[in-house]
All heavy atoms as atom14 arrays in JSON, in Angstrom:
{
  "sequence": "SGGTNVCAKRRIQVNTAGGSAHGAAVVSKGPIYLSGNNV",
  "atom14_mask": [
    [1, 1, 1, 1, 1, 1, 0, 0, 0, 0, 0, 0, 0, 0],
    [1, 1, 1, 1, 0, 0, 0, 0, 0, 0, 0, 0, 0, 0],
    [1, 1, 1, 1, 0, 0, 0, 0, 0, 0, 0, 0, 0, 0],
    [1, 1, 1, 1, 1, 1, 1, 0, 0, 0, 0, 0, 0, 0],
    [1, 1, 1, 1, 1, 1, 1, 1, 0, 0, 0, 0, 0, 0],
    [1, 1, 1, 1, 1, 1, 1, 0, 0, 0, 0, 0, 0, 0],
    [1, 1, 1, 1, 1, 1, 0, 0, 0, 0, 0, 0, 0, 0],
    [1, 1, 1, 1, 1, 0, 0, 0, 0, 0, 0, 0, 0, 0],
    [1, 1, 1, 1, 1, 1, 1, 1, 1, 0, 0, 0, 0, 0],
    [1, 1, 1, 1, 1, 1, 1, 1, 1, 1, 1, 0, 0, 0],
    [1, 1, 1, 1, 1, 1, 1, 1, 1, 1, 1, 0, 0, 0],
    [1, 1, 1, 1, 1, 1, 1, 1, 0, 0, 0, 0, 0, 0],
    [1, 1, 1, 1, 1, 1, 1, 1, 1, 0, 0, 0, 0, 0],
    [1, 1, 1, 1, 1, 1, 1, 0, 0, 0, 0, 0, 0, 0],
    [1, 1, 1, 1, 1, 1, 1, 1, 0, 0, 0, 0, 0, 0],
    [1, 1, 1, 1, 1, 1, 1, 0, 0, 0, 0, 0, 0, 0],
    [1, 1, 1, 1, 1, 0, 0, 0, 0, 0, 0, 0, 0, 0],
    [1, 1, 1, 1, 0, 0, 0, 0, 0, 0, 0, 0, 0, 0],
    [1, 1, 1, 1, 0, 0, 0, 0, 0, 0, 0, 0, 0, 0],
    [1, 1, 1, 1, 1, 1, 0, 0, 0, 0, 0, 0, 0, 0],
    [1, 1, 1, 1, 1, 0, 0, 0, 0, 0, 0, 0, 0, 0],
    [1, 1, 1, 1, 1, 1, 1, 1, 1, 1, 0, 0, 0, 0],
    [1, 1, 1, 1, 0, 0, 0, 0, 0, 0, 0, 0, 0, 0],
    [1, 1, 1, 1, 1, 0, 0, 0, 0, 0, 0, 0, 0, 0],
    [1, 1, 1, 1, 1, 0, 0, 0, 0, 0, 0, 0, 0, 0],
    [1, 1, 1, 1, 1, 1, 1, 0, 0, 0, 0, 0, 0, 0],
    [1, 1, 1, 1, 1, 1, 1, 0, 0, 0, 0, 0, 0, 0],
    [1, 1, 1, 1, 1, 1, 0, 0, 0, 0, 0, 0, 0, 0],
    [1, 1, 1, 1, 1, 1, 1, 1, 1, 0, 0, 0, 0, 0],
    [1, 1, 1, 1, 0, 0, 0, 0, 0, 0, 0, 0, 0, 0],
    [1, 1, 1, 1, 1, 1, 1, 0, 0, 0, 0, 0, 0, 0],
    [1, 1, 1, 1, 1, 1, 1, 1, 0, 0, 0, 0, 0, 0],
    [1, 1, 1, 1, 1, 1, 1, 1, 1, 1, 1, 1, 0, 0],
    [1, 1, 1, 1, 1, 1, 1, 1, 0, 0, 0, 0, 0, 0],
    [1, 1, 1, 1, 1, 1, 0, 0, 0, 0, 0, 0, 0, 0],
    [1, 1, 1, 1, 0, 0, 0, 0, 0, 0, 0, 0, 0, 0],
    [1, 1, 1, 1, 1, 1, 1, 1, 0, 0, 0, 0, 0, 0],
    [1, 1, 1, 1, 1, 1, 1, 1, 0, 0, 0, 0, 0, 0],
    [1, 1, 1, 1, 1, 1, 1, 0, 0, 0, 0, 0, 0, 0]
  ],
  "atom14_positions": [
    [[63.73, 57.33, -46.46], [62.84, 58.17, -47.28], [63.5, 58.87, -48.36], [63.62, 60.11, -48.41], [61.97, 59.14, -46.49], [62.81, 60.11, -45.81], [0.0, 0.0, 0.0], [0.0, 0.0, 0.0], [0.0, 0.0, 0.0], [0.0, 0.0, 0.0], [0.0, 0.0, 0.0], [0.0, 0.0, 0.0], [0.0, 0.0, 0.0], [0.0, 0.0, 0.0]],
    [[64.19, 58.2, -49.36], [64.77, 58.81, -50.39], [66.08, 59.48, -49.98], [66.4, 60.55, -50.44], [0.0, 0.0, 0.0], [0.0, 0.0, 0.0], [0.0, 0.0, 0.0], [0.0, 0.0, 0.0], [0.0, 0.0, 0.0], [0.0, 0.0, 0.0], [0.0, 0.0, 0.0], [0.0, 0.0, 0.0], [0.0, 0.0, 0.0], [0.0, 0.0, 0.0]],
    [[66.85, 58.76, -49.13], [68.22, 59.32, -48.85], [68.43, 59.98, -47.64], [69.46, 60.24, -47.05], [0.0, 0.0, 0.0], [0.0, 0.0, 0.0], [0.0, 0.0, 0.0], [0.0, 0.0, 0.0], [0.0, 0.0, 0.0], [0.0, 0.0, 0.0], [0.0, 0.0, 0.0], [0.0, 0.0, 0.0], [0.0, 0.0, 0.0], [0.0, 0.0, 0.0]],
    [[67.31, 60.49, -47.01], [67.44, 61.12, -45.64], [66.64, 60.26, -44.65], [65.7, 59.57, -44.94], [66.71, 62.52, -45.84], [65.27, 62.32, -46.01], [67.45, 63.41, -46.7], [0.0, 0.0, 0.0], [0.0, 0.0, 0.0], [0.0, 0.0, 0.0], [0.0, 0.0, 0.0], [0.0, 0.0, 0.0], [0.0, 0.0, 0.0], [0.0, 0.0, 0.0]],
    [[67.12, 60.24, -43.43], [66.62, 59.52, -42.33], [65.58, 60.34, -41.66], [65.79, 61.46, -41.25], [67.64, 58.97, -41.45], [68.52, 57.95, -42.06], [68.1, 57.25, -42.89], [69.76, 57.83, -41.57], [0.0, 0.0, 0.0], [0.0, 0.0, 0.0], [0.0, 0.0, 0.0], [0.0, 0.0, 0.0], [0.0, 0.0, 0.0], [0.0, 0.0, 0.0]],
    [[64.43, 59.76, -41.49], [63.33, 60.37, -40.76], [63.02, 59.54, -39.6], [62.94, 58.27, -39.68], [61.99, 60.56, -41.63], [60.89, 61.16, -40.89], [62.39, 61.38, -42.94], [0.0, 0.0, 0.0], [0.0, 0.0, 0.0], [0.0, 0.0, 0.0], [0.0, 0.0, 0.0], [0.0, 0.0, 0.0], [0.0, 0.0, 0.0], [0.0, 0.0, 0.0]],
    [[62.73, 60.12, -38.45], [62.46, 59.42, -37.23], [60.9, 59.13, -37.21], [60.12, 60.1, -37.31], [62.88, 60.22, -36.0], [62.69, 59.27, -34.55], [0.0, 0.0, 0.0], [0.0, 0.0, 0.0], [0.0, 0.0, 0.0], [0.0, 0.0, 0.0], [0.0, 0.0, 0.0], [0.0, 0.0, 0.0], [0.0, 0.0, 0.0], [0.0, 0.0, 0.0]],
    [[60.54, 57.89, -37.08], [59.1, 57.52, -37.02], [58.89, 57.12, -35.56], [59.66, 56.56, -34.95], [58.86, 56.38, -37.96], [0.0, 0.0, 0.0], [0.0, 0.0, 0.0], [0.0, 0.0, 0.0], [0.0, 0.0, 0.0], [0.0, 0.0, 0.0], [0.0, 0.0, 0.0], [0.0, 0.0, 0.0], [0.0, 0.0, 0.0], [0.0, 0.0, 0.0]],
    [[57.78, 57.57, -35.03], [57.39, 57.2, -33.63], [56.06, 56.49, -33.51], [55.17, 56.69, -34.3], [57.29, 58.5, -32.75], [58.63, 59.33, -32.68], [58.28, 60.63, -31.83], [59.51, 61.44, -31.8], [59.38, 62.61, -31.11], [0.0, 0.0, 0.0], [0.0, 0.0, 0.0], [0.0, 0.0, 0.0], [0.0, 0.0, 0.0], [0.0, 0.0, 0.0]],
    [[56.1, 55.49, -32.61], [54.8, 54.83, -32.37], [54.56, 54.79, -30.82], [55.5, 54.53, -30.16], [54.92, 53.41, -32.96], [53.72, 52.57, -32.44], [53.77, 51.18, -33.11], [53.45, 51.33, -34.56], [53.68, 50.33, -35.34], [53.9, 49.11, -35.02], [53.32, 50.55, -36.65], [0.0, 0.0, 0.0], [0.0, 0.0, 0.0], [0.0, 0.0, 0.0]],
    [[53.45, 55.17, -30.41], [53.18, 55.18, -29.02], [52.25, 53.98, -28.77], [51.26, 53.68, -29.45], [52.41, 56.5, -28.71], [52.17, 56.71, -27.23], [51.55, 58.03, -27.03], [52.45, 59.01, -27.49], [53.28, 59.84, -26.8], [53.36, 59.62, -25.56], [54.05, 60.72, -27.35], [0.0, 0.0, 0.0], [0.0, 0.0, 0.0], [0.0, 0.0, 0.0]],
    [[52.53, 53.27, -27.74], [51.86, 52.15, -27.24], [51.23, 52.48, -25.89], [52.02, 52.79, -24.96], [52.76, 50.96, -27.13], [53.33, 50.65, -28.54], [52.0, 49.73, -26.64], [54.34, 49.58, -28.55], [0.0, 0.0, 0.0], [0.0, 0.0, 0.0], [0.0, 0.0, 0.0], [0.0, 0.0, 0.0], [0.0, 0.0, 0.0], [0.0, 0.0, 0.0]],
    [[49.98, 52.3, -25.76], [49.38, 52.48, -24.47], [48.88, 51.17, -23.93], [48.24, 50.34, -24.57], [47.95, 53.46, -24.7], [47.31, 53.62, -23.43], [46.23, 54.6, -23.59], [46.25, 55.38, -24.45], [45.12, 54.53, -22.83], [0.0, 0.0, 0.0], [0.0, 0.0, 0.0], [0.0, 0.0, 0.0], [0.0, 0.0, 0.0], [0.0, 0.0, 0.0]],
    [[49.18, 51.04, -22.66], [48.85, 49.73, -21.93], [47.97, 50.19, -20.73], [48.41, 50.94, -19.94], [50.01, 48.96, -21.44], [49.61, 47.76, -20.76], [51.0, 48.66, -22.67], [0.0, 0.0, 0.0], [0.0, 0.0, 0.0], [0.0, 0.0, 0.0], [0.0, 0.0, 0.0], [0.0, 0.0, 0.0], [0.0, 0.0, 0.0], [0.0, 0.0, 0.0]],
    [[46.78, 49.71, -20.72], [45.88, 49.99, -19.56], [45.92, 48.88, -18.66], [45.81, 47.66, -18.96], [44.31, 50.18, -20.09], [44.29, 51.28, -21.01], [44.89, 52.45, -20.77], [43.42, 51.13, -22.05], [0.0, 0.0, 0.0], [0.0, 0.0, 0.0], [0.0, 0.0, 0.0], [0.0, 0.0, 0.0], [0.0, 0.0, 0.0], [0.0, 0.0, 0.0]],
    [[46.16, 49.16, -17.3], [46.27, 48.18, -16.31], [45.13, 48.31, -15.22], [44.8, 49.5, -15.16], [47.65, 48.23, -15.69], [47.91, 49.41, -15.1], [48.8, 47.94, -16.73], [0.0, 0.0, 0.0], [0.0, 0.0, 0.0], [0.0, 0.0, 0.0], [0.0, 0.0, 0.0], [0.0, 0.0, 0.0], [0.0, 0.0, 0.0], [0.0, 0.0, 0.0]],
    [[44.92, 47.42, -14.44], [44.08, 47.55, -13.29], [44.77, 47.06, -12.13], [45.63, 46.12, -12.22], [42.84, 46.75, -13.59], [0.0, 0.0, 0.0], [0.0, 0.0, 0.0], [0.0, 0.0, 0.0], [0.0, 0.0, 0.0], [0.0, 0.0, 0.0], [0.0, 0.0, 0.0], [0.0, 0.0, 0.0], [0.0, 0.0, 0.0], [0.0, 0.0, 0.0]],
    [[44.44, 47.59, -11.01], [45.05, 47.18, -9.67], [46.43, 47.74, -9.68], [46.65, 48.76, -10.11], [0.0, 0.0, 0.0], [0.0, 0.0, 0.0], [0.0, 0.0, 0.0], [0.0, 0.0, 0.0], [0.0, 0.0, 0.0], [0.0, 0.0, 0.0], [0.0, 0.0, 0.0], [0.0, 0.0, 0.0], [0.0, 0.0, 0.0], [0.0, 0.0, 0.0]],
    [[47.31, 46.97, -9.05], [48.68, 47.44, -8.93], [49.64, 46.29, -9.33], [49.3, 45.28, -9.78], [0.0, 0.0, 0.0], [0.0, 0.0, 0.0], [0.0, 0.0, 0.0], [0.0, 0.0, 0.0], [0.0, 0.0, 0.0], [0.0, 0.0, 0.0], [0.0, 0.0, 0.0], [0.0, 0.0, 0.0], [0.0, 0.0, 0.0], [0.0, 0.0, 0.0]],
    [[50.94, 46.69, -9.31], [51.92, 45.78, -9.78], [52.11, 44.63, -8.67], [51.56, 44.78, -7.5], [53.24, 46.42, -9.97], [53.73, 47.03, -8.77], [0.0, 0.0, 0.0], [0.0, 0.0, 0.0], [0.0, 0.0, 0.0], [0.0, 0.0, 0.0], [0.0, 0.0, 0.0], [0.0, 0.0, 0.0], [0.0, 0.0, 0.0], [0.0, 0.0, 0.0]],
    [[52.88, 43.6, -9.03], [53.01, 42.62, -8.02], [53.7, 43.13, -6.78], [54.61, 43.91, -6.81], [53.98, 41.45, -8.73], [0.0, 0.0, 0.0], [0.0, 0.0, 0.0], [0.0, 0.0, 0.0], [0.0, 0.0, 0.0], [0.0, 0.0, 0.0], [0.0, 0.0, 0.0], [0.0, 0.0, 0.0], [0.0, 0.0, 0.0], [0.0, 0.0, 0.0]],
    [[53.11, 42.77, -5.71], [53.59, 43.06, -4.32], [53.62, 44.62, -4.09], [54.18, 45.16, -3.26], [55.06, 42.64, -4.1], [55.15, 41.08, -4.35], [54.59, 40.14, -3.52], [55.56, 40.36, -5.41], [54.78, 38.89, -3.88], [55.39, 39.07, -5.05], [0.0, 0.0, 0.0], [0.0, 0.0, 0.0], [0.0, 0.0, 0.0], [0.0, 0.0, 0.0]],
    [[52.82, 45.27, -4.94], [52.57, 46.72, -4.8], [53.92, 47.52, -5.02], [54.13, 48.69, -4.44], [0.0, 0.0, 0.0], [0.0, 0.0, 0.0], [0.0, 0.0, 0.0], [0.0, 0.0, 0.0], [0.0, 0.0, 0.0], [0.0, 0.0, 0.0], [0.0, 0.0, 0.0], [0.0, 0.0, 0.0], [0.0, 0.0, 0.0], [0.0, 0.0, 0.0]],
    [[54.73, 47.04, -5.91], [56.13, 47.73, -6.19], [56.22, 48.0, -7.67], [55.63, 47.45, -8.52], [57.26, 46.95, -5.71], [0.0, 0.0, 0.0], [0.0, 0.0, 0.0], [0.0, 0.0, 0.0], [0.0, 0.0, 0.0], [0.0, 0.0, 0.0], [0.0, 0.0, 0.0], [0.0, 0.0, 0.0], [0.0, 0.0, 0.0], [0.0, 0.0, 0.0]],
    [[57.05, 49.01, -7.97], [57.3, 49.35, -9.36], [58.27, 48.3, -9.99], [58.16, 47.84, -11.24], [57.98, 50.72, -9.48], [0.0, 0.0, 0.0], [0.0, 0.0, 0.0], [0.0, 0.0, 0.0], [0.0, 0.0, 0.0], [0.0, 0.0, 0.0], [0.0, 0.0, 0.0], [0.0, 0.0, 0.0], [0.0, 0.0, 0.0], [0.0, 0.0, 0.0]],
    [[59.33, 47.77, -9.3], [60.24, 46.84, -9.66], [60.33, 45.72, -8.69], [60.62, 45.91, -7.42], [61.6, 47.43, -9.89], [62.58, 46.51, -10.45], [61.5, 48.55, -10.95], [0.0, 0.0, 0.0], [0.0, 0.0, 0.0], [0.0, 0.0, 0.0], [0.0, 0.0, 0.0], [0.0, 0.0, 0.0], [0.0, 0.0, 0.0], [0.0, 0.0, 0.0]],
    [[60.12, 44.48, -9.13], [60.35, 43.33, -8.14], [61.21, 42.44, -8.93], [61.05, 42.02, -10.11], [58.98, 42.67, -8.06], [59.15, 41.39, -7.05], [58.02, 43.71, -7.27], [0.0, 0.0, 0.0], [0.0, 0.0, 0.0], [0.0, 0.0, 0.0], [0.0, 0.0, 0.0], [0.0, 0.0, 0.0], [0.0, 0.0, 0.0], [0.0, 0.0, 0.0]],
    [[62.08, 41.74, -8.23], [63.18, 40.78, -8.79], [63.48, 39.71, -7.94], [63.54, 39.81, -6.69], [64.4, 41.58, -9.37], [65.41, 40.67, -9.74], [0.0, 0.0, 0.0], [0.0, 0.0, 0.0], [0.0, 0.0, 0.0], [0.0, 0.0, 0.0], [0.0, 0.0, 0.0], [0.0, 0.0, 0.0], [0.0, 0.0, 0.0], [0.0, 0.0, 0.0]],
    [[63.73, 38.49, -8.48], [64.33, 37.38, -7.63], [65.69, 37.68, -7.27], [66.15, 37.25, -6.18], [64.2, 36.04, -8.44], [62.86, 35.48, -8.48], [63.05, 34.13, -9.23], [61.71, 33.33, -9.04], [61.83, 32.03, -9.68], [0.0, 0.0, 0.0], [0.0, 0.0, 0.0], [0.0, 0.0, 0.0], [0.0, 0.0, 0.0], [0.0, 0.0, 0.0]],
    [[66.47, 38.13, -8.19], [67.91, 38.38, -8.05], [68.3, 39.83, -7.99], [67.49, 40.73, -7.84], [0.0, 0.0, 0.0], [0.0, 0.0, 0.0], [0.0, 0.0, 0.0], [0.0, 0.0, 0.0], [0.0, 0.0, 0.0], [0.0, 0.0, 0.0], [0.0, 0.0, 0.0], [0.0, 0.0, 0.0], [0.0, 0.0, 0.0], [0.0, 0.0, 0.0]],
    [[69.66, 40.13, -7.97], [70.19, 41.45, -7.92], [69.55, 42.37, -8.93], [69.18, 42.0, -10.01], [71.65, 41.23, -8.03], [71.92, 39.84, -7.8], [70.66, 39.11, -8.19], [0.0, 0.0, 0.0], [0.0, 0.0, 0.0], [0.0, 0.0, 0.0], [0.0, 0.0, 0.0], [0.0, 0.0, 0.0], [0.0, 0.0, 0.0], [0.0, 0.0, 0.0]],
    [[69.51, 43.66, -8.63], [69.13, 44.73, -9.45], [70.16, 45.64, -9.61], [70.75, 46.17, -8.61], [67.75, 45.43, -8.97], [66.65, 44.41, -8.93], [67.41, 46.68, -9.94], [65.41, 44.97, -8.25], [0.0, 0.0, 0.0], [0.0, 0.0, 0.0], [0.0, 0.0, 0.0], [0.0, 0.0, 0.0], [0.0, 0.0, 0.0], [0.0, 0.0, 0.0]],
    [[70.55, 46.09, -10.87], [71.61, 47.0, -11.1], [71.13, 48.13, -11.89], [70.72, 48.01, -13.1], [72.74, 46.47, -11.87], [73.29, 45.24, -11.15], [72.95, 43.98, -11.73], [74.05, 45.23, -10.07], [73.47, 42.74, -11.17], [74.52, 44.17, -9.47], [74.24, 42.86, -9.9], [74.71, 41.72, -9.28], [0.0, 0.0, 0.0], [0.0, 0.0, 0.0]],
    [[70.9, 49.41, -11.25], [70.36, 50.58, -11.94], [71.49, 51.44, -12.33], [71.95, 52.39, -11.62], [69.43, 51.38, -10.93], [68.25, 50.54, -10.39], [67.53, 51.37, -9.29], [67.42, 50.2, -11.56], [0.0, 0.0, 0.0], [0.0, 0.0, 0.0], [0.0, 0.0, 0.0], [0.0, 0.0, 0.0], [0.0, 0.0, 0.0], [0.0, 0.0, 0.0]],
    [[72.15, 51.06, -13.51], [73.31, 51.89, -13.93], [72.82, 52.79, -15.04], [71.72, 52.61, -15.6], [74.4, 50.95, -14.45], [73.86, 50.17, -15.55], [0.0, 0.0, 0.0], [0.0, 0.0, 0.0], [0.0, 0.0, 0.0], [0.0, 0.0, 0.0], [0.0, 0.0, 0.0], [0.0, 0.0, 0.0], [0.0, 0.0, 0.0], [0.0, 0.0, 0.0]],
    [[73.56, 53.82, -15.32], [73.34, 54.72, -16.39], [72.95, 56.09, -15.89], [72.9, 56.39, -14.62], [0.0, 0.0, 0.0], [0.0, 0.0, 0.0], [0.0, 0.0, 0.0], [0.0, 0.0, 0.0], [0.0, 0.0, 0.0], [0.0, 0.0, 0.0], [0.0, 0.0, 0.0], [0.0, 0.0, 0.0], [0.0, 0.0, 0.0], [0.0, 0.0, 0.0]],
    [[72.67, 57.08, -16.67], [72.38, 58.42, -16.21], [70.9, 58.67, -16.24], [70.14, 58.1, -17.12], [73.03, 59.36, -17.19], [74.51, 59.32, -17.16], [75.15, 59.19, -16.05], [75.13, 59.34, -18.27], [0.0, 0.0, 0.0], [0.0, 0.0, 0.0], [0.0, 0.0, 0.0], [0.0, 0.0, 0.0], [0.0, 0.0, 0.0], [0.0, 0.0, 0.0]],
    [[70.46, 59.54, -15.39], [68.98, 59.96, -15.41], [68.05, 58.83, -15.2], [66.98, 58.72, -15.8], [68.66, 60.68, -16.67], [69.6, 61.93, -16.84], [69.85, 62.72, -15.87], [70.05, 62.11, -18.07], [0.0, 0.0, 0.0], [0.0, 0.0, 0.0], [0.0, 0.0, 0.0], [0.0, 0.0, 0.0], [0.0, 0.0, 0.0], [0.0, 0.0, 0.0]],
    [[68.28, 57.8, -14.33], [67.41, 56.77, -14.04], [66.47, 57.4, -12.81], [67.05, 57.72, -11.8], [68.14, 55.6, -13.47], [67.17, 54.49, -13.0], [69.04, 55.0, -14.68], [0.0, 0.0, 0.0], [0.0, 0.0, 0.0], [0.0, 0.0, 0.0], [0.0, 0.0, 0.0], [0.0, 0.0, 0.0], [0.0, 0.0, 0.0], [0.0, 0.0, 0.0]]
  ]
}
């Protein structure tokens, strides 16, 4: 915006029904690595 950086935000809402596959938040065929901070 003319030489200065401005942060633009867009919020996306997803409406779901029922539950996730197998009733879990995360489901995987293979290994899961939860690395990083504040997970």
